[in-house]
All heavy atoms as atom14 arrays in JSON, in Angstrom:
{
  "sequence": "VRLPAPDGMAPATGYSHVAWGTGRLIAISGQVALDEHGRLVGPGD",
  "atom14_mask": [
    [1, 1, 1, 1, 1, 1, 1, 0, 0, 0, 0, 0, 0, 0],
    [1, 1, 1, 1, 1, 1, 1, 1, 1, 1, 1, 0, 0, 0],
    [1, 1, 1, 1, 1, 1, 1, 1, 0, 0, 0, 0, 0, 0],
    [1, 1, 1, 1, 1, 1, 1, 0, 0, 0, 0, 0, 0, 0],
    [1, 1, 1, 1, 1, 0, 0, 0, 0, 0, 0, 0, 0, 0],
    [1, 1, 1, 1, 1, 1, 1, 0, 0, 0, 0, 0, 0, 0],
    [1, 1, 1, 1, 1, 1, 1, 1, 0, 0, 0, 0, 0, 0],
    [1, 1, 1, 1, 0, 0, 0, 0, 0, 0, 0, 0, 0, 0],
    [1, 1, 1, 1, 1, 1, 1, 1, 0, 0, 0, 0, 0, 0],
    [1, 1, 1, 1, 1, 0, 0, 0, 0, 0, 0, 0, 0, 0],
    [1, 1, 1, 1, 1, 1, 1, 0, 0, 0, 0, 0, 0, 0],
    [1, 1, 1, 1, 1, 0, 0, 0, 0, 0, 0, 0, 0, 0],
    [1, 1, 1, 1, 1, 1, 1, 0, 0, 0, 0, 0, 0, 0],
    [1, 1, 1, 1, 0, 0, 0, 0, 0, 0, 0, 0, 0, 0],
    [1, 1, 1, 1, 1, 1, 1, 1, 1, 1, 1, 1, 0, 0],
    [1, 1, 1, 1, 1, 1, 0, 0, 0, 0, 0, 0, 0, 0],
    [1, 1, 1, 1, 1, 1, 1, 1, 1, 1, 0, 0, 0, 0],
    [1, 1, 1, 1, 1, 1, 1, 0, 0, 0, 0, 0, 0, 0],
    [1, 1, 1, 1, 1, 0, 0, 0, 0, 0, 0, 0, 0, 0],
    [1, 1, 1, 1, 1, 1, 1, 1, 1, 1, 1, 1, 1, 1],
    [1, 1, 1, 1, 0, 0, 0, 0, 0, 0, 0, 0, 0, 0],
    [1, 1, 1, 1, 1, 1, 1, 0, 0, 0, 0, 0, 0, 0],
    [1, 1, 1, 1, 0, 0, 0, 0, 0, 0, 0, 0, 0, 0],
    [1, 1, 1, 1, 1, 1, 1, 1, 1, 1, 1, 0, 0, 0],
    [1, 1, 1, 1, 1, 1, 1, 1, 0, 0, 0, 0, 0, 0],
    [1, 1, 1, 1, 1, 1, 1, 1, 0, 0, 0, 0, 0, 0],
    [1, 1, 1, 1, 1, 0, 0, 0, 0, 0, 0, 0, 0, 0],
    [1, 1, 1, 1, 1, 1, 1, 1, 0, 0, 0, 0, 0, 0],
    [1, 1, 1, 1, 1, 1, 0, 0, 0, 0, 0, 0, 0, 0],
    [1, 1, 1, 1, 0, 0, 0, 0, 0, 0, 0, 0, 0, 0],
    [1, 1, 1, 1, 1, 1, 1, 1, 1, 0, 0, 0, 0, 0],
    [1, 1, 1, 1, 1, 1, 1, 0, 0, 0, 0, 0, 0, 0],
    [1, 1, 1, 1, 1, 0, 0, 0, 0, 0, 0, 0, 0, 0],
    [1, 1, 1, 1, 1, 1, 1, 1, 0, 0, 0, 0, 0, 0],
    [1, 1, 1, 1, 1, 1, 1, 1, 0, 0, 0, 0, 0, 0],
    [1, 1, 1, 1, 1, 1, 1, 1, 1, 0, 0, 0, 0, 0],
    [1, 1, 1, 1, 1, 1, 1, 1, 1, 1, 0, 0, 0, 0],
    [1, 1, 1, 1, 0, 0, 0, 0, 0, 0, 0, 0, 0, 0],
    [1, 1, 1, 1, 1, 1, 1, 1, 1, 1, 1, 0, 0, 0],
    [1, 1, 1, 1, 1, 1, 1, 1, 0, 0, 0, 0, 0, 0],
    [1, 1, 1, 1, 1, 1, 1, 0, 0, 0, 0, 0, 0, 0],
    [1, 1, 1, 1, 0, 0, 0, 0, 0, 0, 0, 0, 0, 0],
    [1, 1, 1, 1, 1, 1, 1, 0, 0, 0, 0, 0, 0, 0],
    [1, 1, 1, 1, 0, 0, 0, 0, 0, 0, 0, 0, 0, 0],
    [1, 1, 1, 1, 1, 1, 1, 1, 0, 0, 0, 0, 0, 0]
  ],
  "atom14_positions": [
    [[93.96, 148.78, 63.36], [92.64, 149.51, 63.46], [92.14, 149.45, 64.79], [92.06, 148.36, 65.45], [91.64, 148.97, 62.4], [90.4, 149.78, 62.5], [92.25, 149.04, 61.07], [0.0, 0.0, 0.0], [0.0, 0.0, 0.0], [0.0, 0.0, 0.0], [0.0, 0.0, 0.0], [0.0, 0.0, 0.0], [0.0, 0.0, 0.0], [0.0, 0.0, 0.0]],
    [[91.77, 150.57, 65.34], [91.12, 150.67, 66.62], [89.67, 151.24, 66.56], [89.5, 152.2, 65.83], [91.98, 151.5, 67.61], [93.24, 150.81, 67.89], [94.21, 151.87, 68.55], [95.48, 151.32, 68.78], [96.48, 151.35, 67.86], [96.34, 151.81, 66.65], [97.63, 150.71, 68.09], [0.0, 0.0, 0.0], [0.0, 0.0, 0.0], [0.0, 0.0, 0.0]],
    [[88.78, 150.59, 67.17], [87.32, 151.09, 67.18], [86.92, 151.37, 68.57], [86.55, 150.37, 69.38], [86.5, 150.03, 66.49], [85.03, 150.37, 66.21], [84.89, 151.6, 65.34], [84.34, 149.25, 65.55], [0.0, 0.0, 0.0], [0.0, 0.0, 0.0], [0.0, 0.0, 0.0], [0.0, 0.0, 0.0], [0.0, 0.0, 0.0], [0.0, 0.0, 0.0]],
    [[86.89, 152.61, 69.03], [86.46, 152.99, 70.32], [85.02, 152.58, 70.61], [84.74, 152.17, 71.78], [86.68, 154.44, 70.51], [87.7, 154.77, 69.42], [87.38, 153.85, 68.3], [0.0, 0.0, 0.0], [0.0, 0.0, 0.0], [0.0, 0.0, 0.0], [0.0, 0.0, 0.0], [0.0, 0.0, 0.0], [0.0, 0.0, 0.0], [0.0, 0.0, 0.0]],
    [[84.15, 152.71, 69.67], [82.74, 152.5, 69.91], [82.03, 151.81, 68.78], [81.63, 152.54, 67.81], [82.02, 153.78, 70.32], [0.0, 0.0, 0.0], [0.0, 0.0, 0.0], [0.0, 0.0, 0.0], [0.0, 0.0, 0.0], [0.0, 0.0, 0.0], [0.0, 0.0, 0.0], [0.0, 0.0, 0.0], [0.0, 0.0, 0.0], [0.0, 0.0, 0.0]],
    [[81.92, 150.57, 68.71], [81.17, 149.9, 67.66], [79.62, 150.38, 67.62], [79.17, 150.81, 68.79], [81.18, 148.43, 67.93], [82.5, 148.16, 68.85], [82.58, 149.57, 69.58], [0.0, 0.0, 0.0], [0.0, 0.0, 0.0], [0.0, 0.0, 0.0], [0.0, 0.0, 0.0], [0.0, 0.0, 0.0], [0.0, 0.0, 0.0], [0.0, 0.0, 0.0]],
    [[78.98, 150.25, 66.58], [77.53, 150.59, 66.52], [76.76, 149.96, 67.67], [76.94, 148.73, 67.9], [76.92, 150.27, 65.24], [77.39, 151.14, 64.07], [77.92, 152.14, 64.3], [77.25, 150.73, 62.93], [0.0, 0.0, 0.0], [0.0, 0.0, 0.0], [0.0, 0.0, 0.0], [0.0, 0.0, 0.0], [0.0, 0.0, 0.0], [0.0, 0.0, 0.0]],
    [[75.92, 150.72, 68.43], [75.13, 150.18, 69.41], [75.81, 150.07, 70.79], [75.25, 149.63, 71.76], [0.0, 0.0, 0.0], [0.0, 0.0, 0.0], [0.0, 0.0, 0.0], [0.0, 0.0, 0.0], [0.0, 0.0, 0.0], [0.0, 0.0, 0.0], [0.0, 0.0, 0.0], [0.0, 0.0, 0.0], [0.0, 0.0, 0.0], [0.0, 0.0, 0.0]],
    [[77.09, 150.57, 70.91], [77.82, 150.46, 72.13], [78.18, 151.92, 72.62], [78.42, 152.82, 71.85], [79.12, 149.65, 71.98], [78.8, 148.16, 71.68], [80.2, 147.17, 71.83], [80.53, 147.22, 73.59], [0.0, 0.0, 0.0], [0.0, 0.0, 0.0], [0.0, 0.0, 0.0], [0.0, 0.0, 0.0], [0.0, 0.0, 0.0], [0.0, 0.0, 0.0]],
    [[78.18, 152.05, 73.94], [78.66, 153.28, 74.56], [80.11, 153.47, 74.25], [80.85, 152.62, 74.24], [78.39, 153.31, 76.01], [0.0, 0.0, 0.0], [0.0, 0.0, 0.0], [0.0, 0.0, 0.0], [0.0, 0.0, 0.0], [0.0, 0.0, 0.0], [0.0, 0.0, 0.0], [0.0, 0.0, 0.0], [0.0, 0.0, 0.0], [0.0, 0.0, 0.0]],
    [[80.44, 154.77, 74.0], [81.93, 155.05, 73.72], [82.84, 154.58, 74.92], [82.42, 154.81, 76.03], [82.05, 156.53, 73.51], [80.58, 156.94, 73.22], [79.68, 155.97, 73.92], [0.0, 0.0, 0.0], [0.0, 0.0, 0.0], [0.0, 0.0, 0.0], [0.0, 0.0, 0.0], [0.0, 0.0, 0.0], [0.0, 0.0, 0.0], [0.0, 0.0, 0.0]],
    [[83.93, 154.09, 74.56], [84.91, 153.63, 75.52], [85.63, 154.88, 76.06], [85.88, 155.83, 75.39], [85.88, 152.64, 74.97], [0.0, 0.0, 0.0], [0.0, 0.0, 0.0], [0.0, 0.0, 0.0], [0.0, 0.0, 0.0], [0.0, 0.0, 0.0], [0.0, 0.0, 0.0], [0.0, 0.0, 0.0], [0.0, 0.0, 0.0], [0.0, 0.0, 0.0]],
    [[85.92, 154.9, 77.38], [86.74, 155.91, 78.0], [88.07, 155.34, 78.37], [88.12, 154.55, 79.32], [85.96, 156.43, 79.18], [84.7, 156.97, 78.81], [86.74, 157.61, 79.83], [0.0, 0.0, 0.0], [0.0, 0.0, 0.0], [0.0, 0.0, 0.0], [0.0, 0.0, 0.0], [0.0, 0.0, 0.0], [0.0, 0.0, 0.0], [0.0, 0.0, 0.0]],
    [[89.15, 155.74, 77.63], [90.5, 155.35, 77.98], [90.95, 154.0, 77.42], [91.91, 153.47, 77.74], [0.0, 0.0, 0.0], [0.0, 0.0, 0.0], [0.0, 0.0, 0.0], [0.0, 0.0, 0.0], [0.0, 0.0, 0.0], [0.0, 0.0, 0.0], [0.0, 0.0, 0.0], [0.0, 0.0, 0.0], [0.0, 0.0, 0.0], [0.0, 0.0, 0.0]],
    [[90.16, 153.55, 76.4], [90.54, 152.25, 75.66], [89.66, 152.19, 74.5], [88.73, 152.96, 74.3], [90.37, 151.03, 76.53], [88.93, 150.75, 77.0], [88.08, 149.85, 76.27], [88.32, 151.38, 78.11], [86.88, 149.62, 76.71], [87.07, 151.14, 78.54], [86.25, 150.29, 77.82], [84.98, 150.07, 78.13], [0.0, 0.0, 0.0], [0.0, 0.0, 0.0]],
    [[89.95, 151.19, 73.58], [89.12, 150.92, 72.42], [88.34, 149.63, 72.7], [89.05, 148.7, 73.3], [89.98, 150.77, 71.16], [90.55, 151.98, 70.8], [0.0, 0.0, 0.0], [0.0, 0.0, 0.0], [0.0, 0.0, 0.0], [0.0, 0.0, 0.0], [0.0, 0.0, 0.0], [0.0, 0.0, 0.0], [0.0, 0.0, 0.0], [0.0, 0.0, 0.0]],
    [[87.17, 149.51, 72.27], [86.39, 148.28, 72.48], [86.97, 147.15, 71.61], [86.97, 146.02, 72.01], [84.89, 148.52, 72.16], [84.15, 149.07, 73.21], [83.84, 148.39, 74.38], [83.45, 150.31, 73.32], [83.08, 149.18, 75.18], [82.9, 150.36, 74.49], [0.0, 0.0, 0.0], [0.0, 0.0, 0.0], [0.0, 0.0, 0.0], [0.0, 0.0, 0.0]],
    [[87.48, 147.52, 70.35], [87.93, 146.57, 69.43], [89.21, 147.11, 68.76], [89.34, 148.28, 68.43], [86.84, 146.32, 68.3], [87.34, 145.21, 67.37], [85.49, 146.01, 68.95], [0.0, 0.0, 0.0], [0.0, 0.0, 0.0], [0.0, 0.0, 0.0], [0.0, 0.0, 0.0], [0.0, 0.0, 0.0], [0.0, 0.0, 0.0], [0.0, 0.0, 0.0]],
    [[90.19, 146.16, 68.62], [91.41, 146.48, 67.88], [91.79, 145.24, 67.06], [91.66, 144.12, 67.48], [92.53, 146.87, 68.74], [0.0, 0.0, 0.0], [0.0, 0.0, 0.0], [0.0, 0.0, 0.0], [0.0, 0.0, 0.0], [0.0, 0.0, 0.0], [0.0, 0.0, 0.0], [0.0, 0.0, 0.0], [0.0, 0.0, 0.0], [0.0, 0.0, 0.0]],
    [[92.19, 145.48, 65.73], [92.67, 144.34, 64.97], [93.66, 144.81, 64.03], [93.89, 146.08, 63.79], [91.42, 143.72, 64.22], [90.77, 144.55, 63.15], [91.17, 144.7, 61.88], [89.75, 145.45, 63.32], [90.46, 145.62, 61.21], [89.46, 146.09, 62.03], [88.97, 145.86, 64.36], [88.51, 147.06, 61.83], [87.86, 146.8, 64.11], [87.78, 147.26, 62.87]],
    [[94.31, 143.86, 63.35], [95.37, 144.25, 62.37], [95.83, 143.06, 61.57], [95.39, 141.91, 61.82], [0.0, 0.0, 0.0], [0.0, 0.0, 0.0], [0.0, 0.0, 0.0], [0.0, 0.0, 0.0], [0.0, 0.0, 0.0], [0.0, 0.0, 0.0], [0.0, 0.0, 0.0], [0.0, 0.0, 0.0], [0.0, 0.0, 0.0], [0.0, 0.0, 0.0]],
    [[96.74, 143.24, 60.67], [97.44, 142.23, 59.9], [98.91, 142.32, 60.12], [99.43, 143.36, 60.34], [97.11, 142.39, 58.44], [97.55, 143.63, 58.05], [95.61, 142.26, 58.16], [0.0, 0.0, 0.0], [0.0, 0.0, 0.0], [0.0, 0.0, 0.0], [0.0, 0.0, 0.0], [0.0, 0.0, 0.0], [0.0, 0.0, 0.0], [0.0, 0.0, 0.0]],
    [[99.57, 141.18, 60.21], [101.01, 141.12, 60.28], [101.47, 140.07, 61.22], [100.75, 139.05, 61.48], [0.0, 0.0, 0.0], [0.0, 0.0, 0.0], [0.0, 0.0, 0.0], [0.0, 0.0, 0.0], [0.0, 0.0, 0.0], [0.0, 0.0, 0.0], [0.0, 0.0, 0.0], [0.0, 0.0, 0.0], [0.0, 0.0, 0.0], [0.0, 0.0, 0.0]],
    [[102.61, 140.28, 61.93], [103.18, 139.3, 62.8], [102.71, 139.61, 64.29], [102.8, 140.82, 64.73], [104.76, 139.49, 62.75], [105.47, 138.55, 63.72], [106.94, 138.61, 63.48], [107.49, 139.89, 63.23], [108.09, 140.69, 64.19], [108.15, 140.28, 65.37], [108.58, 141.89, 63.83], [0.0, 0.0, 0.0], [0.0, 0.0, 0.0], [0.0, 0.0, 0.0]],
    [[102.18, 138.61, 64.9], [101.7, 138.76, 66.34], [102.83, 138.75, 67.27], [103.71, 137.89, 67.17], [100.7, 137.74, 66.61], [100.12, 137.68, 68.03], [99.26, 138.99, 68.25], [99.27, 136.45, 68.37], [0.0, 0.0, 0.0], [0.0, 0.0, 0.0], [0.0, 0.0, 0.0], [0.0, 0.0, 0.0], [0.0, 0.0, 0.0], [0.0, 0.0, 0.0]],
    [[102.77, 139.68, 68.3], [103.8, 139.74, 69.28], [103.09, 139.61, 70.65], [102.15, 140.4, 70.91], [104.59, 141.02, 69.25], [105.35, 141.16, 67.91], [105.56, 141.12, 70.39], [105.82, 142.51, 67.59], [0.0, 0.0, 0.0], [0.0, 0.0, 0.0], [0.0, 0.0, 0.0], [0.0, 0.0, 0.0], [0.0, 0.0, 0.0], [0.0, 0.0, 0.0]],
    [[103.47, 138.62, 71.52], [102.89, 138.52, 72.8], [103.99, 138.89, 73.78], [105.1, 138.35, 73.78], [102.43, 137.1, 73.06], [0.0, 0.0, 0.0], [0.0, 0.0, 0.0], [0.0, 0.0, 0.0], [0.0, 0.0, 0.0], [0.0, 0.0, 0.0], [0.0, 0.0, 0.0], [0.0, 0.0, 0.0], [0.0, 0.0, 0.0], [0.0, 0.0, 0.0]],
    [[103.7, 139.79, 74.71], [104.71, 140.27, 75.78], [104.1, 139.78, 77.1], [103.01, 140.15, 77.46], [104.88, 141.74, 75.74], [105.51, 142.05, 74.29], [105.87, 142.17, 76.85], [105.68, 143.54, 74.15], [0.0, 0.0, 0.0], [0.0, 0.0, 0.0], [0.0, 0.0, 0.0], [0.0, 0.0, 0.0], [0.0, 0.0, 0.0], [0.0, 0.0, 0.0]],
    [[104.86, 139.01, 77.84], [104.55, 138.55, 79.03], [104.29, 139.74, 80.04], [104.85, 140.76, 79.84], [105.65, 137.72, 79.67], [105.9, 136.57, 78.93], [0.0, 0.0, 0.0], [0.0, 0.0, 0.0], [0.0, 0.0, 0.0], [0.0, 0.0, 0.0], [0.0, 0.0, 0.0], [0.0, 0.0, 0.0], [0.0, 0.0, 0.0], [0.0, 0.0, 0.0]],
    [[103.55, 139.45, 81.05], [103.29, 140.45, 82.14], [104.58, 140.96, 82.63], [105.52, 140.26, 83.04], [0.0, 0.0, 0.0], [0.0, 0.0, 0.0], [0.0, 0.0, 0.0], [0.0, 0.0, 0.0], [0.0, 0.0, 0.0], [0.0, 0.0, 0.0], [0.0, 0.0, 0.0], [0.0, 0.0, 0.0], [0.0, 0.0, 0.0], [0.0, 0.0, 0.0]],
    [[104.7, 142.43, 82.67], [105.85, 143.04, 83.11], [105.62, 143.64, 84.54], [104.5, 144.19, 84.76], [106.28, 144.11, 82.16], [106.67, 143.54, 80.74], [107.89, 142.69, 80.95], [108.99, 143.05, 81.48], [107.76, 141.48, 80.39], [0.0, 0.0, 0.0], [0.0, 0.0, 0.0], [0.0, 0.0, 0.0], [0.0, 0.0, 0.0], [0.0, 0.0, 0.0]],
    [[106.58, 143.55, 85.47], [106.49, 144.25, 86.68], [107.63, 145.26, 86.84], [108.39, 145.43, 85.92], [106.56, 143.14, 87.85], [105.43, 142.15, 87.85], [107.91, 142.33, 87.8], [0.0, 0.0, 0.0], [0.0, 0.0, 0.0], [0.0, 0.0, 0.0], [0.0, 0.0, 0.0], [0.0, 0.0, 0.0], [0.0, 0.0, 0.0], [0.0, 0.0, 0.0]],
    [[107.6, 145.96, 87.96], [108.51, 147.12, 88.12], [109.9, 146.76, 88.53], [110.4, 147.31, 89.44], [107.91, 148.08, 89.1], [0.0, 0.0, 0.0], [0.0, 0.0, 0.0], [0.0, 0.0, 0.0], [0.0, 0.0, 0.0], [0.0, 0.0, 0.0], [0.0, 0.0, 0.0], [0.0, 0.0, 0.0], [0.0, 0.0, 0.0], [0.0, 0.0, 0.0]],
    [[110.53, 145.9, 87.7], [111.99, 145.62, 87.92], [112.85, 146.38, 86.88], [112.52, 146.42, 85.8], [112.26, 144.17, 87.83], [111.56, 143.19, 88.86], [111.84, 141.79, 88.58], [111.99, 143.51, 90.28], [0.0, 0.0, 0.0], [0.0, 0.0, 0.0], [0.0, 0.0, 0.0], [0.0, 0.0, 0.0], [0.0, 0.0, 0.0], [0.0, 0.0, 0.0]],
    [[113.96, 146.93, 87.39], [114.94, 147.55, 86.5], [115.71, 146.52, 85.85], [115.59, 145.29, 86.01], [115.68, 148.74, 87.13], [116.69, 148.12, 88.2], [116.94, 146.92, 88.27], [117.19, 148.97, 88.96], [0.0, 0.0, 0.0], [0.0, 0.0, 0.0], [0.0, 0.0, 0.0], [0.0, 0.0, 0.0], [0.0, 0.0, 0.0], [0.0, 0.0, 0.0]],
    [[116.71, 146.99, 84.97], [117.59, 146.07, 84.26], [118.47, 145.19, 85.11], [119.05, 144.23, 84.66], [118.38, 146.79, 83.21], [119.35, 147.84, 83.71], [118.82, 149.24, 83.99], [117.56, 149.41, 84.02], [119.57, 150.17, 84.16], [0.0, 0.0, 0.0], [0.0, 0.0, 0.0], [0.0, 0.0, 0.0], [0.0, 0.0, 0.0], [0.0, 0.0, 0.0]],
    [[118.59, 145.6, 86.4], [119.45, 144.78, 87.28], [118.54, 143.91, 88.17], [119.05, 143.26, 89.18], [120.25, 145.74, 88.21], [121.06, 146.64, 87.34], [122.22, 146.24, 86.61], [121.02, 147.92, 87.14], [122.73, 147.28, 85.99], [122.0, 148.29, 86.28], [0.0, 0.0, 0.0], [0.0, 0.0, 0.0], [0.0, 0.0, 0.0], [0.0, 0.0, 0.0]],
    [[117.19, 143.79, 87.99], [116.35, 143.01, 88.76], [115.89, 143.67, 90.09], [115.38, 142.96, 91.01], [0.0, 0.0, 0.0], [0.0, 0.0, 0.0], [0.0, 0.0, 0.0], [0.0, 0.0, 0.0], [0.0, 0.0, 0.0], [0.0, 0.0, 0.0], [0.0, 0.0, 0.0], [0.0, 0.0, 0.0], [0.0, 0.0, 0.0], [0.0, 0.0, 0.0]],
    [[116.12, 144.95, 90.17], [115.76, 145.66, 91.45], [114.38, 146.34, 91.26], [114.08, 146.87, 90.25], [116.76, 146.66, 91.76], [118.17, 146.15, 92.18], [119.09, 147.25, 92.6], [119.25, 148.24, 91.6], [120.46, 148.39, 90.94], [121.46, 147.75, 91.22], [120.49, 149.33, 89.9], [0.0, 0.0, 0.0], [0.0, 0.0, 0.0], [0.0, 0.0, 0.0]],
    [[113.57, 146.21, 92.29], [112.3, 146.93, 92.35], [112.41, 148.42, 92.23], [113.19, 149.04, 92.94], [111.52, 146.47, 93.63], [110.11, 147.16, 93.85], [109.17, 146.7, 92.72], [109.57, 146.9, 95.21], [0.0, 0.0, 0.0], [0.0, 0.0, 0.0], [0.0, 0.0, 0.0], [0.0, 0.0, 0.0], [0.0, 0.0, 0.0], [0.0, 0.0, 0.0]],
    [[111.64, 149.0, 91.36], [111.55, 150.45, 91.2], [110.14, 150.87, 91.83], [109.15, 150.38, 91.53], [111.54, 150.91, 89.73], [111.25, 152.34, 89.52], [112.9, 150.47, 89.1], [0.0, 0.0, 0.0], [0.0, 0.0, 0.0], [0.0, 0.0, 0.0], [0.0, 0.0, 0.0], [0.0, 0.0, 0.0], [0.0, 0.0, 0.0], [0.0, 0.0, 0.0]],
    [[110.32, 151.86, 92.76], [109.12, 152.46, 93.27], [108.4, 151.63, 94.37], [107.11, 151.43, 94.27], [0.0, 0.0, 0.0], [0.0, 0.0, 0.0], [0.0, 0.0, 0.0], [0.0, 0.0, 0.0], [0.0, 0.0, 0.0], [0.0, 0.0, 0.0], [0.0, 0.0, 0.0], [0.0, 0.0, 0.0], [0.0, 0.0, 0.0], [0.0, 0.0, 0.0]],
    [[109.09, 151.16, 95.38], [108.38, 150.4, 96.47], [107.2, 151.19, 97.02], [107.38, 152.34, 97.48], [109.46, 150.13, 97.53], [110.75, 150.32, 96.87], [110.49, 151.34, 95.67], [0.0, 0.0, 0.0], [0.0, 0.0, 0.0], [0.0, 0.0, 0.0], [0.0, 0.0, 0.0], [0.0, 0.0, 0.0], [0.0, 0.0, 0.0], [0.0, 0.0, 0.0]],
    [[105.99, 150.58, 96.95], [104.9, 151.27, 97.57], [104.3, 152.39, 96.67], [103.38, 153.04, 97.14], [0.0, 0.0, 0.0], [0.0, 0.0, 0.0], [0.0, 0.0, 0.0], [0.0, 0.0, 0.0], [0.0, 0.0, 0.0], [0.0, 0.0, 0.0], [0.0, 0.0, 0.0], [0.0, 0.0, 0.0], [0.0, 0.0, 0.0], [0.0, 0.0, 0.0]],
    [[104.81, 152.65, 95.55], [104.46, 153.84, 94.76], [103.95, 153.41, 93.39], [104.7, 153.02, 92.47], [105.82, 154.72, 94.49], [105.47, 155.99, 93.72], [104.39, 156.04, 93.11], [106.36, 156.83, 93.66], [0.0, 0.0, 0.0], [0.0, 0.0, 0.0], [0.0, 0.0, 0.0], [0.0, 0.0, 0.0], [0.0, 0.0, 0.0], [0.0, 0.0, 0.0]]
  ]
}
């Protein structure tokens, strides 16, 4: 469930203020712009 604007809050632009759910939690480490061979994609871009 995503709630862009809880009561009493300004609407979010480009995100939801609150999100929740039930099930299995998945945490994904911070990803950077490396391709499957470990090469940088888009230097300076």
